[in-house]
Amino acid sequence: MSALEIYLFLLADSFVTGLVLPAKQALVFPTMQIFGSYNLYLAGFISTIGITAAACLNLGFGRILRTIKKNDPSSQQNKKLEGIFALLKKHGYLAASLGFVPVLGPIITVFTGVLGTNYIRVITIIFAVNFISYGFRVVM
């Protein structure tokens, strides 16, 4: 395999890892670390892009769920739940910073989409947190 194919495979692996449905961790980046013949800074950046692209889809999925919930006339309005949602919406950006957690991160991203938090801010936070996370993985 050429280097371009390896990096594209890394991008695809990171993208699929960041989606809601497959609850798994990325496999290609640790393998690249073990072999050591790849530019790990580039690999971390490509993984960050893949996970951020998946986060965009997860946020979109959350927005769709929010629209469905709003348009459903049978949904009961519970005052306790409304208070919890208001609190979580206020601190949704803090929750978005947990987007790097392997299994929980995509679920949190969908949840921030349901809450209706600012799309650009959440994506920026997810990109920054994953970039820092992969930076630590490269250094360590």
Foldseek 3Di string as FASTA:
>chain_A
DDPVVLLVVLLVQLLVQLAQPDQDARDSLVVCVVVVPDDLLSSLLSSLVSNLVNLLVLLVLLLVVLVVQVPDPPDDDDPVVVVVLVVCLVVLLVLLLPLVPRNCNSVSSSVNSNSPHDSVSSSVSSSVSSSVVSVVVVVD
